[in-house]
């Protein structure tokens, strides 16, 4: 019996030495278990994802190393483009935190409150409207009756610029200036004196 017990103990010792030679030490020490992570005042399970205590980071626990890695919980976002009837306002939106503890502050467009009503269009009394401006749209250009200016009606008055701006023509030595009437409207009522170069009489 003693010989048999000695033989069994010898075989167990031999088997243990074989296992230690071929199995990695990390497996023997950890027994295949992953490491938890310590962050702040809390302990997190391996590979657990969580928001940190300050609600600024979205973190994960590395079960192999026991270290914690974090990215921004609320990545920055550009300001919104609001219309005239809206104002940018800071609001809270849900974050990726599944517990609902952390929110993200964002800018969004909200309708303006107590907006004054739009001002009515300024209407000039009929007796103050100049005859040239009747039945014309604001800032519509037109040629006045005297064919001297191109005008538009605004603020109860008329603004005009010269219809026939001066022009300078330089002719070569074998040509001469000639004046002619250039039409300025579709009706053929108004025209401007223009100059052009024509061959001199007898130059050929």
N, C-alpha and C. Protein backbone atom coordinates (compact mmCIF):
# COMPACT_ATOMS: atom_id res chain seq x y z
N UNK A 1 0.83 -1.21 0.00
CA UNK A 1 0.00 0.00 0.00
C UNK A 1 0.86 1.25 0.00
N UNK A 2 1.91 1.24 0.79
CA UNK A 2 2.77 2.41 0.85
C UNK A 2 3.46 2.65 -0.49
N UNK A 3 3.80 1.55 -1.17
CA UNK A 3 4.45 1.69 -2.49
C UNK A 3 3.49 2.29 -3.49
N UNK A 4 2.21 1.87 -3.40
CA UNK A 4 1.21 2.40 -4.35
C UNK A 4 0.98 3.88 -4.09
N UNK A 5 0.90 4.31 -2.82
CA UNK A 5 0.69 5.72 -2.51
C UNK A 5 1.86 6.57 -2.96
N UNK A 6 3.07 5.98 -2.77
CA UNK A 6 4.26 6.72 -3.22
C UNK A 6 4.25 6.89 -4.73
N UNK A 7 3.81 5.86 -5.45
CA UNK A 7 3.77 5.93 -6.92
C UNK A 7 2.75 6.97 -7.39
N UNK A 8 1.59 7.01 -6.74
CA UNK A 8 0.55 7.98 -7.12
C UNK A 8 1.03 9.40 -6.85
N UNK A 9 1.69 9.63 -5.72
CA UNK A 9 2.21 10.98 -5.43
C UNK A 9 3.25 11.40 -6.42
N UNK A 10 4.08 10.44 -6.85
CA UNK A 10 5.11 10.75 -7.83
C UNK A 10 4.49 11.13 -9.17
N UNK A 11 3.43 10.46 -9.58
CA UNK A 11 2.76 10.76 -10.84
C UNK A 11 2.08 12.14 -10.79
N UNK A 12 1.50 12.46 -9.66
CA UNK A 12 0.85 13.77 -9.53
C UNK A 12 1.87 14.91 -9.61
N UNK A 13 3.01 14.72 -8.98
CA UNK A 13 4.06 15.74 -9.03
C UNK A 13 4.57 15.92 -10.44
N UNK A 14 4.72 14.76 -11.14
CA UNK A 14 5.19 14.82 -12.53
C UNK A 14 4.16 15.53 -13.41
N UNK A 15 2.87 15.26 -13.21
CA UNK A 15 1.81 15.89 -14.00
C UNK A 15 1.76 17.39 -13.73
N UNK A 16 1.95 17.83 -12.51
CA UNK A 16 1.94 19.25 -12.16
C UNK A 16 3.09 19.99 -12.83
N UNK A 17 4.27 19.30 -12.88
CA UNK A 17 5.41 19.95 -13.53
C UNK A 17 5.18 20.10 -15.02
N UNK A 18 4.49 19.12 -15.63
CA UNK A 18 4.18 19.22 -17.07
C UNK A 18 3.20 20.36 -17.32
N UNK A 19 2.19 20.48 -16.48
CA UNK A 19 1.19 21.55 -16.63
C UNK A 19 1.86 22.91 -16.49
N UNK A 20 2.74 23.06 -15.52
CA UNK A 20 3.42 24.34 -15.31
C UNK A 20 4.34 24.68 -16.48
N UNK A 21 4.85 23.68 -17.16
CA UNK A 21 5.77 23.94 -18.27
C UNK A 21 5.04 24.40 -19.51
N UNK A 22 3.79 23.98 -19.72
CA UNK A 22 3.11 24.27 -20.98
C UNK A 22 1.95 25.25 -20.84
N UNK A 23 1.52 25.60 -19.66
CA UNK A 23 0.41 26.55 -19.47
C UNK A 23 0.99 27.89 -19.09
N UNK A 24 0.56 29.05 -19.75
CA UNK A 24 1.10 30.39 -19.42
C UNK A 24 0.87 30.73 -17.97
N UNK A 25 1.87 31.39 -17.33
CA UNK A 25 1.72 31.75 -15.91
C UNK A 25 0.53 32.67 -15.66
N UNK A 26 0.24 33.58 -16.64
CA UNK A 26 -0.88 34.51 -16.43
C UNK A 26 -2.19 33.76 -16.27
N UNK A 27 -2.31 32.63 -17.00
CA UNK A 27 -3.54 31.85 -16.88
C UNK A 27 -3.64 31.19 -15.51
N UNK A 28 -2.48 30.73 -15.02
CA UNK A 28 -2.49 30.08 -13.71
C UNK A 28 -2.77 31.08 -12.60
N UNK A 29 -2.21 32.29 -12.74
CA UNK A 29 -2.38 33.28 -11.66
C UNK A 29 -3.80 33.83 -11.63
N UNK A 30 -4.40 34.10 -12.86
CA UNK A 30 -5.72 34.74 -12.90
C UNK A 30 -6.86 33.74 -12.98
N UNK A 31 -6.52 32.47 -13.19
CA UNK A 31 -7.55 31.44 -13.33
C UNK A 31 -8.56 31.79 -14.43
N UNK A 32 -8.07 32.53 -15.47
CA UNK A 32 -8.95 32.90 -16.58
C UNK A 32 -9.89 34.04 -16.27
N UNK A 33 -9.80 34.70 -15.12
CA UNK A 33 -10.71 35.77 -14.75
C UNK A 33 -10.19 37.11 -15.24
N UNK A 34 -11.13 37.99 -15.68
CA UNK A 34 -10.76 39.32 -16.14
C UNK A 34 -10.76 40.29 -14.96
N UNK A 35 -10.07 41.40 -15.16
CA UNK A 35 -9.86 42.33 -14.06
C UNK A 35 -10.95 43.41 -14.04
N UNK A 36 -11.45 43.78 -12.87
CA UNK A 36 -12.32 44.95 -12.76
C UNK A 36 -11.49 46.22 -12.82
N UNK A 37 -12.19 47.36 -12.94
CA UNK A 37 -11.51 48.66 -13.03
C UNK A 37 -11.93 49.54 -11.87
N UNK A 38 -10.97 50.30 -11.35
CA UNK A 38 -11.23 51.27 -10.29
C UNK A 38 -11.12 52.67 -10.90
N UNK A 39 -12.21 53.44 -10.81
CA UNK A 39 -12.22 54.80 -11.39
C UNK A 39 -12.99 55.71 -10.44
N UNK A 40 -12.30 56.75 -9.95
CA UNK A 40 -12.93 57.61 -8.95
C UNK A 40 -13.18 56.83 -7.69
N UNK A 41 -14.41 56.86 -7.24
CA UNK A 41 -14.78 56.11 -6.03
C UNK A 41 -15.58 54.86 -6.37
N UNK A 42 -15.52 54.40 -7.61
CA UNK A 42 -16.37 53.29 -8.02
C UNK A 42 -15.53 52.16 -8.61
N UNK A 43 -16.10 50.97 -8.60
CA UNK A 43 -15.51 49.78 -9.22
C UNK A 43 -16.43 49.34 -10.35
N UNK A 44 -15.84 49.06 -11.50
CA UNK A 44 -16.63 48.70 -12.69
C UNK A 44 -16.21 47.32 -13.17
N UNK A 45 -17.19 46.60 -13.69
CA UNK A 45 -16.94 45.25 -14.21
C UNK A 45 -16.10 45.32 -15.48
N UNK A 46 -15.39 44.23 -15.80
CA UNK A 46 -14.61 44.21 -17.04
C UNK A 46 -15.50 44.49 -18.25
N UNK A 47 -15.02 45.38 -19.14
CA UNK A 47 -15.67 45.79 -20.38
C UNK A 47 -16.97 46.57 -20.16
N UNK A 48 -17.19 47.01 -18.94
CA UNK A 48 -18.39 47.83 -18.69
C UNK A 48 -18.17 49.24 -19.24
N UNK A 49 -19.22 49.81 -19.84
CA UNK A 49 -19.18 51.19 -20.34
C UNK A 49 -20.02 52.06 -19.42
N UNK A 50 -19.52 53.27 -19.13
CA UNK A 50 -20.19 54.11 -18.14
C UNK A 50 -19.81 55.57 -18.35
N UNK A 51 -20.63 56.47 -17.82
CA UNK A 51 -20.32 57.90 -17.78
C UNK A 51 -19.61 58.20 -16.47
N UNK A 52 -18.55 59.02 -16.54
CA UNK A 52 -17.81 59.30 -15.31
C UNK A 52 -18.62 60.18 -14.37
N UNK A 53 -18.07 60.41 -13.17
CA UNK A 53 -18.81 61.13 -12.13
C UNK A 53 -19.15 62.55 -12.53
N UNK A 54 -18.27 63.20 -13.33
CA UNK A 54 -18.50 64.60 -13.71
C UNK A 54 -19.37 64.75 -14.94
N UNK A 55 -19.81 63.62 -15.54
CA UNK A 55 -20.64 63.63 -16.74
C UNK A 55 -19.95 64.33 -17.91
N UNK A 56 -18.64 64.19 -17.99
CA UNK A 56 -17.91 64.76 -19.12
C UNK A 56 -17.29 63.68 -20.01
N UNK A 57 -17.14 62.44 -19.51
CA UNK A 57 -16.49 61.38 -20.27
C UNK A 57 -17.36 60.15 -20.39
N UNK A 58 -17.27 59.49 -21.55
CA UNK A 58 -17.93 58.20 -21.77
C UNK A 58 -16.81 57.16 -21.77
N UNK A 59 -16.78 56.29 -20.76
CA UNK A 59 -15.62 55.46 -20.46
C UNK A 59 -15.94 53.98 -20.62
N UNK A 60 -14.87 53.20 -20.70
CA UNK A 60 -14.99 51.75 -20.74
C UNK A 60 -13.87 51.13 -19.92
N UNK A 61 -14.18 49.99 -19.32
CA UNK A 61 -13.22 49.26 -18.47
C UNK A 61 -12.55 48.18 -19.31
N UNK A 62 -11.22 48.24 -19.42
CA UNK A 62 -10.46 47.23 -20.13
C UNK A 62 -10.25 46.03 -19.21
N UNK A 63 -10.93 44.90 -19.50
CA UNK A 63 -10.87 43.75 -18.62
C UNK A 63 -9.53 43.05 -18.61
N UNK A 64 -8.69 43.30 -19.60
CA UNK A 64 -7.39 42.65 -19.63
C UNK A 64 -6.38 43.38 -18.76
N UNK A 65 -6.44 44.74 -18.80
CA UNK A 65 -5.44 45.52 -18.07
C UNK A 65 -5.98 46.14 -16.79
N UNK A 66 -7.31 46.27 -16.68
CA UNK A 66 -7.87 46.95 -15.53
C UNK A 66 -7.81 48.46 -15.62
N UNK A 67 -7.48 48.99 -16.81
CA UNK A 67 -7.41 50.44 -17.01
C UNK A 67 -8.72 50.96 -17.61
N UNK A 68 -8.96 52.25 -17.39
CA UNK A 68 -10.17 52.91 -17.89
C UNK A 68 -9.78 53.90 -19.00
N UNK A 69 -10.46 53.83 -20.12
CA UNK A 69 -10.27 54.79 -21.21
C UNK A 69 -11.56 55.55 -21.45
N UNK A 70 -11.44 56.87 -21.73
CA UNK A 70 -12.62 57.72 -21.87
C UNK A 70 -12.54 58.58 -23.13
N UNK A 71 -13.70 58.89 -23.69
CA UNK A 71 -13.85 59.88 -24.75
C UNK A 71 -14.89 60.89 -24.27
N UNK A 72 -15.02 61.99 -25.01
CA UNK A 72 -15.96 63.03 -24.61
C UNK A 72 -17.40 62.49 -24.64
N UNK A 73 -18.13 62.73 -23.56
CA UNK A 73 -19.52 62.30 -23.49
C UNK A 73 -20.40 63.14 -24.41
N UNK A 74 -20.09 64.44 -24.54
CA UNK A 74 -20.87 65.35 -25.38
C UNK A 74 -19.93 66.03 -26.36
N UNK A 75 -19.66 65.42 -27.52
CA UNK A 75 -18.76 66.04 -28.49
C UNK A 75 -19.27 67.41 -28.91
N UNK A 76 -18.36 68.38 -29.16
CA UNK A 76 -18.81 69.73 -29.53
C UNK A 76 -19.55 69.72 -30.86
N UNK A 77 -20.48 70.63 -30.97
CA UNK A 77 -21.30 70.75 -32.16
C UNK A 77 -21.39 72.23 -32.54
N UNK A 78 -21.43 72.55 -33.82
CA UNK A 78 -21.47 73.93 -34.28
C UNK A 78 -22.76 74.62 -33.87
N UNK A 79 -22.75 75.98 -33.82
CA UNK A 79 -23.96 76.71 -33.43
C UNK A 79 -25.04 76.54 -34.48
N UNK A 80 -26.32 76.53 -34.07
CA UNK A 80 -27.41 76.38 -35.04
C UNK A 80 -27.62 77.66 -35.84
N UNK A 81 -28.20 77.53 -37.00
CA UNK A 81 -28.56 78.68 -37.84
C UNK A 81 -30.04 78.96 -37.63
N UNK A 82 -30.34 80.06 -36.95
CA UNK A 82 -31.72 80.40 -36.60
C UNK A 82 -32.29 81.41 -37.58
N UNK A 83 -33.60 81.35 -37.79
CA UNK A 83 -34.28 82.30 -38.65
C UNK A 83 -34.55 83.60 -37.88
N UNK A 84 -35.15 84.57 -38.58
CA UNK A 84 -35.39 85.88 -37.94
C UNK A 84 -36.35 85.76 -36.76
N UNK A 85 -37.26 84.81 -36.82
CA UNK A 85 -38.23 84.67 -35.72
C UNK A 85 -37.78 83.73 -34.63
N UNK A 86 -36.48 83.36 -34.61
CA UNK A 86 -35.98 82.42 -33.61
C UNK A 86 -34.74 82.98 -32.92
N UNK A 87 -34.47 82.44 -31.73
CA UNK A 87 -33.27 82.80 -30.97
C UNK A 87 -32.55 81.53 -30.53
N UNK A 88 -31.18 81.54 -30.52
CA UNK A 88 -30.47 80.37 -29.99
C UNK A 88 -30.66 80.25 -28.49
N UNK A 89 -30.99 79.07 -28.03
CA UNK A 89 -31.28 78.84 -26.61
C UNK A 89 -30.59 77.55 -26.17
N UNK A 90 -30.05 77.54 -24.96
CA UNK A 90 -29.36 76.37 -24.44
C UNK A 90 -30.38 75.39 -23.87
N UNK A 91 -30.34 74.14 -24.34
CA UNK A 91 -31.25 73.11 -23.88
C UNK A 91 -30.44 71.87 -23.48
N UNK A 92 -31.09 70.94 -22.80
CA UNK A 92 -30.46 69.69 -22.40
C UNK A 92 -31.02 68.55 -23.25
N UNK A 93 -30.10 67.74 -23.78
CA UNK A 93 -30.48 66.58 -24.58
C UNK A 93 -29.97 65.31 -23.91
N UNK A 94 -30.64 64.18 -24.12
CA UNK A 94 -30.15 62.92 -23.55
C UNK A 94 -28.78 62.57 -24.13
N UNK A 95 -27.92 62.01 -23.30
CA UNK A 95 -26.60 61.54 -23.75
C UNK A 95 -26.67 60.03 -23.98
N UNK A 96 -25.51 59.43 -24.30
CA UNK A 96 -25.46 57.98 -24.51
C UNK A 96 -25.50 57.20 -23.19
N UNK A 97 -25.47 57.93 -22.08
CA UNK A 97 -25.52 57.28 -20.76
C UNK A 97 -26.87 56.59 -20.58
N UNK A 98 -26.92 55.26 -20.48
CA UNK A 98 -28.22 54.56 -20.39
C UNK A 98 -28.95 54.81 -19.08
N UNK A 99 -28.23 55.27 -18.06
CA UNK A 99 -28.90 55.51 -16.78
C UNK A 99 -29.71 56.80 -16.77
N UNK A 100 -29.45 57.68 -17.75
CA UNK A 100 -30.16 58.95 -17.79
C UNK A 100 -29.64 59.98 -16.82
N UNK A 101 -28.54 59.66 -16.11
CA UNK A 101 -27.99 60.59 -15.12
C UNK A 101 -27.35 61.82 -15.79
N UNK A 102 -26.71 61.62 -16.93
CA UNK A 102 -25.96 62.70 -17.58
C UNK A 102 -26.71 63.21 -18.80
N UNK A 103 -26.73 64.54 -18.96
CA UNK A 103 -27.33 65.20 -20.11
C UNK A 103 -26.25 65.99 -20.85
N UNK A 104 -26.53 66.30 -22.10
CA UNK A 104 -25.65 67.14 -22.92
C UNK A 104 -26.32 68.49 -23.14
N UNK A 105 -25.58 69.57 -22.90
CA UNK A 105 -26.10 70.91 -23.14
C UNK A 105 -25.84 71.29 -24.59
N UNK A 106 -26.91 71.63 -25.31
CA UNK A 106 -26.82 71.97 -26.72
C UNK A 106 -27.52 73.30 -26.98
N UNK A 107 -27.12 73.95 -28.07
CA UNK A 107 -27.80 75.16 -28.53
C UNK A 107 -28.83 74.77 -29.58
N UNK A 108 -30.05 75.24 -29.42
CA UNK A 108 -31.09 74.99 -30.40
C UNK A 108 -31.87 76.27 -30.64
N UNK A 109 -32.64 76.30 -31.72
CA UNK A 109 -33.41 77.50 -32.09
C UNK A 109 -34.80 77.41 -31.48
N UNK A 110 -35.21 78.47 -30.78
CA UNK A 110 -36.53 78.53 -30.18
C UNK A 110 -37.26 79.77 -30.69
N UNK A 111 -38.58 79.69 -30.86
CA UNK A 111 -39.32 80.87 -31.34
C UNK A 111 -39.21 82.03 -30.37
N UNK A 112 -39.09 83.21 -30.92
CA UNK A 112 -39.08 84.41 -30.07
C UNK A 112 -40.46 84.65 -29.49
N UNK A 113 -40.48 85.05 -28.23
CA UNK A 113 -41.75 85.34 -27.56
C UNK A 113 -42.00 86.84 -27.55
N UNK A 114 -43.28 87.19 -27.58
CA UNK A 114 -43.71 88.60 -27.49
C UNK A 114 -43.08 89.45 -28.59
N UNK A 115 -43.08 88.90 -29.80
CA UNK A 115 -42.57 89.68 -30.92
C UNK A 115 -43.55 90.79 -31.27
N UNK A 116 -43.05 92.01 -31.52
CA UNK A 116 -43.98 93.07 -31.95
C UNK A 116 -44.53 92.75 -33.33
N UNK A 117 -45.76 93.16 -33.60
CA UNK A 117 -46.33 92.89 -34.93
C UNK A 117 -45.55 93.63 -36.00
N UNK A 118 -45.48 93.10 -37.21
CA UNK A 118 -44.75 93.78 -38.27
C UNK A 118 -45.35 95.14 -38.59
N UNK A 119 -44.50 96.07 -38.92
CA UNK A 119 -44.97 97.41 -39.23
C UNK A 119 -45.73 97.40 -40.54
N UNK A 120 -46.84 98.12 -40.60
CA UNK A 120 -47.58 98.18 -41.87
C UNK A 120 -46.76 98.95 -42.91
N UNK A 121 -46.94 98.62 -44.17
CA UNK A 121 -46.21 99.34 -45.21
C UNK A 121 -46.58 100.82 -45.23
N UNK A 122 -45.55 101.62 -45.44
CA UNK A 122 -45.77 103.07 -45.49
C UNK A 122 -46.50 103.42 -46.79
N UNK A 123 -47.66 104.01 -46.63
CA UNK A 123 -48.45 104.38 -47.79
C UNK A 123 -48.56 105.90 -47.85
N UNK A 124 -48.11 106.43 -48.96
CA UNK A 124 -48.16 107.89 -49.14
C UNK A 124 -49.57 108.28 -49.58
N UNK A 125 -50.15 109.28 -48.92
CA UNK A 125 -51.49 109.72 -49.35
C UNK A 125 -51.53 110.05 -50.84
N UNK A 126 -52.67 109.77 -51.44
CA UNK A 126 -52.81 109.93 -52.88
C UNK A 126 -52.52 111.34 -53.33
N UNK A 127 -52.86 112.33 -52.49
CA UNK A 127 -52.65 113.72 -52.92
C UNK A 127 -51.19 114.12 -52.91
N UNK A 128 -50.33 113.30 -52.24
CA UNK A 128 -48.91 113.62 -52.20
C UNK A 128 -48.09 112.82 -53.22
N UNK A 129 -48.74 111.94 -53.96
CA UNK A 129 -48.03 111.16 -54.96
C UNK A 129 -47.84 112.00 -56.22
N UNK A 130 -46.60 112.08 -56.67
CA UNK A 130 -46.31 112.86 -57.87
C UNK A 130 -46.95 112.20 -59.09
N UNK A 131 -47.36 113.00 -60.06
CA UNK A 131 -48.02 112.42 -61.24
C UNK A 131 -47.15 111.38 -61.96
N UNK A 132 -45.84 111.62 -61.99
CA UNK A 132 -44.97 110.67 -62.68
C UNK A 132 -44.88 109.31 -61.96
N UNK A 133 -45.23 109.29 -60.65
CA UNK A 133 -45.07 108.07 -59.87
C UNK A 133 -46.36 107.26 -59.73
N UNK A 134 -47.46 107.77 -60.23
CA UNK A 134 -48.71 107.02 -60.13
C UNK A 134 -48.63 105.77 -61.01
N UNK A 135 -49.19 104.67 -60.48
CA UNK A 135 -49.24 103.39 -61.18
C UNK A 135 -47.83 102.82 -61.45
N UNK A 136 -46.86 103.22 -60.65
CA UNK A 136 -45.51 102.66 -60.78
C UNK A 136 -45.14 101.92 -59.48
N UNK A 137 -44.39 100.85 -59.64
CA UNK A 137 -43.92 100.13 -58.46
C UNK A 137 -42.74 100.86 -57.84
N UNK A 138 -42.51 100.70 -56.53
CA UNK A 138 -41.36 101.38 -55.90
C UNK A 138 -40.04 100.99 -56.56
N UNK A 139 -39.18 102.00 -56.75
CA UNK A 139 -37.83 101.83 -57.32
C UNK A 139 -37.87 101.32 -58.77
N UNK A 140 -38.97 101.54 -59.44
CA UNK A 140 -39.04 101.19 -60.87
C UNK A 140 -38.41 102.31 -61.69
N UNK A 141 -37.46 101.96 -62.54
CA UNK A 141 -36.81 102.96 -63.38
C UNK A 141 -37.67 103.30 -64.58
N UNK A 142 -37.69 104.58 -64.95
CA UNK A 142 -38.45 105.03 -66.12
C UNK A 142 -37.80 106.30 -66.66
N UNK A 143 -38.08 106.62 -67.90
CA UNK A 143 -37.58 107.84 -68.54
C UNK A 143 -38.63 108.94 -68.38
N UNK A 144 -38.19 110.08 -67.89
CA UNK A 144 -39.16 111.16 -67.65
C UNK A 144 -39.71 111.71 -68.97
N UNK A 145 -40.77 112.49 -68.82
CA UNK A 145 -41.48 112.99 -70.02
C UNK A 145 -40.62 113.92 -70.85
N UNK A 146 -39.65 114.60 -70.24
CA UNK A 146 -38.81 115.53 -70.99
C UNK A 146 -37.62 114.84 -71.67
N UNK A 147 -37.51 113.52 -71.49
CA UNK A 147 -36.43 112.74 -72.11
C UNK A 147 -35.04 113.25 -71.71
N UNK A 148 -34.94 113.71 -70.47
CA UNK A 148 -33.64 114.19 -70.01
C UNK A 148 -33.03 113.30 -68.93
N UNK A 149 -33.83 112.44 -68.31
CA UNK A 149 -33.30 111.64 -67.20
C UNK A 149 -33.96 110.28 -67.09
N UNK A 150 -33.20 109.35 -66.51
CA UNK A 150 -33.74 108.04 -66.13
C UNK A 150 -34.02 108.11 -64.63
N UNK A 151 -35.26 107.89 -64.22
CA UNK A 151 -35.70 108.23 -62.86
C UNK A 151 -36.35 107.03 -62.18
N UNK A 152 -36.48 107.18 -60.84
CA UNK A 152 -37.24 106.22 -60.05
C UNK A 152 -37.88 106.96 -58.89
N UNK A 153 -39.04 106.45 -58.46
CA UNK A 153 -39.79 107.07 -57.37
C UNK A 153 -39.41 106.40 -56.05
N UNK A 154 -39.15 107.23 -55.02
CA UNK A 154 -38.86 106.69 -53.69
C UNK A 154 -39.12 107.75 -52.64
N UNK A 155 -39.72 107.32 -51.53
CA UNK A 155 -39.97 108.20 -50.38
C UNK A 155 -40.70 109.48 -50.77
N UNK A 156 -41.66 109.33 -51.65
CA UNK A 156 -42.47 110.49 -52.01
C UNK A 156 -41.77 111.46 -52.94
N UNK A 157 -40.62 111.14 -53.48
CA UNK A 157 -39.91 112.02 -54.40
C UNK A 157 -39.39 111.24 -55.59
N UNK A 158 -38.64 111.92 -56.43
CA UNK A 158 -38.09 111.30 -57.63
C UNK A 158 -36.58 111.52 -57.64
N UNK A 159 -35.84 110.47 -57.95
CA UNK A 159 -34.40 110.54 -58.13
C UNK A 159 -34.09 110.23 -59.59
N UNK A 160 -33.28 111.08 -60.21
CA UNK A 160 -32.98 110.92 -61.63
C UNK A 160 -31.48 111.00 -61.88
N UNK A 161 -31.04 110.31 -62.90
CA UNK A 161 -29.68 110.45 -63.43
C UNK A 161 -29.81 110.85 -64.90
N UNK A 162 -28.76 111.42 -65.43
CA UNK A 162 -28.80 111.91 -66.81
C UNK A 162 -29.08 110.76 -67.78
N UNK A 163 -29.99 111.00 -68.70
CA UNK A 163 -30.31 109.98 -69.69
C UNK A 163 -29.20 109.86 -70.74
N UNK A 164 -28.65 110.99 -71.12
CA UNK A 164 -27.63 110.99 -72.17
C UNK A 164 -26.28 111.37 -71.56
N UNK A 165 -25.55 110.40 -71.10
CA UNK A 165 -24.24 110.68 -70.53
C UNK A 165 -23.27 111.01 -71.65
N UNK A 166 -22.31 111.91 -71.39
CA UNK A 166 -21.36 112.31 -72.44
C UNK A 166 -20.46 111.16 -72.85
N UNK A 167 -20.17 111.11 -74.13
CA UNK A 167 -19.28 110.08 -74.68
C UNK A 167 -18.23 110.74 -75.56
N UNK A 168 -17.01 110.21 -75.50
CA UNK A 168 -15.91 110.74 -76.31
C UNK A 168 -15.52 109.68 -77.33
N UNK A 169 -15.44 110.12 -78.58
CA UNK A 169 -15.06 109.22 -79.67
C UNK A 169 -13.80 109.76 -80.32
N UNK A 170 -12.80 108.92 -80.48
CA UNK A 170 -11.57 109.30 -81.17
C UNK A 170 -11.48 108.51 -82.47
N UNK A 171 -11.42 109.23 -83.56
CA UNK A 171 -11.41 108.59 -84.87
C UNK A 171 -10.00 108.59 -85.45
N UNK A 172 -9.64 107.59 -86.23
CA UNK A 172 -8.34 107.60 -86.91
C UNK A 172 -8.29 108.71 -87.97
N UNK A 173 -7.10 108.94 -88.52
CA UNK A 173 -6.90 110.08 -89.43
C UNK A 173 -7.72 109.97 -90.71
N UNK A 174 -8.05 108.76 -91.17
CA UNK A 174 -8.80 108.62 -92.41
C UNK A 174 -10.30 108.57 -92.19
N UNK A 175 -10.75 108.88 -90.92
CA UNK A 175 -12.19 108.88 -90.62
C UNK A 175 -12.55 110.16 -89.88
N UNK A 176 -13.86 110.44 -89.83
CA UNK A 176 -14.33 111.65 -89.17
C UNK A 176 -15.56 111.33 -88.33
N UNK A 177 -15.86 112.23 -87.38
CA UNK A 177 -17.00 112.03 -86.49
C UNK A 177 -18.30 112.34 -87.22
N UNK A 178 -19.34 111.59 -86.81
CA UNK A 178 -20.68 111.84 -87.33
C UNK A 178 -21.66 111.71 -86.17
N UNK A 179 -22.57 112.64 -86.05
CA UNK A 179 -23.59 112.60 -85.00
C UNK A 179 -24.84 111.88 -85.52
N UNK A 180 -25.47 111.12 -84.60
CA UNK A 180 -26.71 110.43 -84.97
C UNK A 180 -27.56 110.28 -83.71
N UNK A 181 -28.83 110.01 -83.90
CA UNK A 181 -29.77 109.84 -82.79
C UNK A 181 -29.86 108.36 -82.41
N UNK A 182 -29.54 108.07 -81.14
CA UNK A 182 -29.58 106.70 -80.64
C UNK A 182 -30.84 106.54 -79.79
N UNK A 183 -31.78 105.62 -80.14
CA UNK A 183 -33.04 105.49 -79.38
C UNK A 183 -32.77 104.96 -77.97
N UNK A 184 -33.51 105.53 -77.00
CA UNK A 184 -33.32 105.15 -75.59
C UNK A 184 -34.53 104.45 -74.99
N UNK A 185 -35.63 104.35 -75.74
CA UNK A 185 -36.81 103.64 -75.24
C UNK A 185 -37.45 102.87 -76.39
N UNK A 186 -38.42 102.03 -76.04
CA UNK A 186 -39.07 101.19 -77.03
C UNK A 186 -40.08 101.96 -77.87
N UNK A 187 -40.54 103.08 -77.35
CA UNK A 187 -41.55 103.85 -78.08
C UNK A 187 -40.94 104.75 -79.16
N UNK A 188 -39.65 104.94 -79.08
CA UNK A 188 -39.01 105.82 -80.06
C UNK A 188 -39.20 107.30 -79.77
N UNK A 189 -39.67 107.60 -78.53
CA UNK A 189 -39.90 109.00 -78.20
C UNK A 189 -38.61 109.69 -77.79
N UNK A 190 -37.78 109.01 -77.04
CA UNK A 190 -36.56 109.61 -76.50
C UNK A 190 -35.33 109.03 -77.20
N UNK A 191 -34.40 109.92 -77.47
CA UNK A 191 -33.13 109.50 -78.08
C UNK A 191 -32.01 110.39 -77.57
N UNK A 192 -30.80 109.92 -77.75
CA UNK A 192 -29.62 110.67 -77.33
C UNK A 192 -28.71 110.87 -78.53
N UNK A 193 -28.07 112.04 -78.58
CA UNK A 193 -27.10 112.31 -79.63
C UNK A 193 -25.83 111.53 -79.34
N UNK A 194 -25.42 110.73 -80.27
CA UNK A 194 -24.20 109.96 -80.16
C UNK A 194 -23.28 110.30 -81.33
N UNK A 195 -22.00 109.94 -81.18
CA UNK A 195 -21.03 110.15 -82.25
C UNK A 195 -20.42 108.83 -82.66
N UNK A 196 -20.12 108.73 -83.91
CA UNK A 196 -19.46 107.55 -84.44
C UNK A 196 -18.48 107.95 -85.53
N UNK A 197 -17.58 107.08 -85.85
CA UNK A 197 -16.57 107.34 -86.86
C UNK A 197 -17.03 106.78 -88.22
N UNK A 198 -16.95 107.62 -89.23
CA UNK A 198 -17.29 107.22 -90.61
C UNK A 198 -16.14 107.63 -91.52
N UNK A 199 -15.98 106.97 -92.66
CA UNK A 199 -14.93 107.35 -93.58
C UNK A 199 -15.09 108.80 -94.05
N UNK A 200 -13.99 109.48 -94.20
CA UNK A 200 -14.03 110.86 -94.67
C UNK A 200 -14.51 110.88 -96.13
N UNK A 201 -15.25 111.92 -96.44
CA UNK A 201 -15.74 112.08 -97.82
C UNK A 201 -14.55 112.35 -98.74
N UNK A 202 -14.43 111.57 -99.79
CA UNK A 202 -13.32 111.75 -100.72
C UNK A 202 -12.03 111.13 -100.27
N UNK A 203 -12.07 110.33 -99.12
CA UNK A 203 -10.82 109.75 -98.65
C UNK A 203 -10.37 108.61 -99.56
N UNK A 204 -11.31 108.04 -100.30
CA UNK A 204 -10.96 106.98 -101.22
C UNK A 204 -10.74 107.55 -102.61
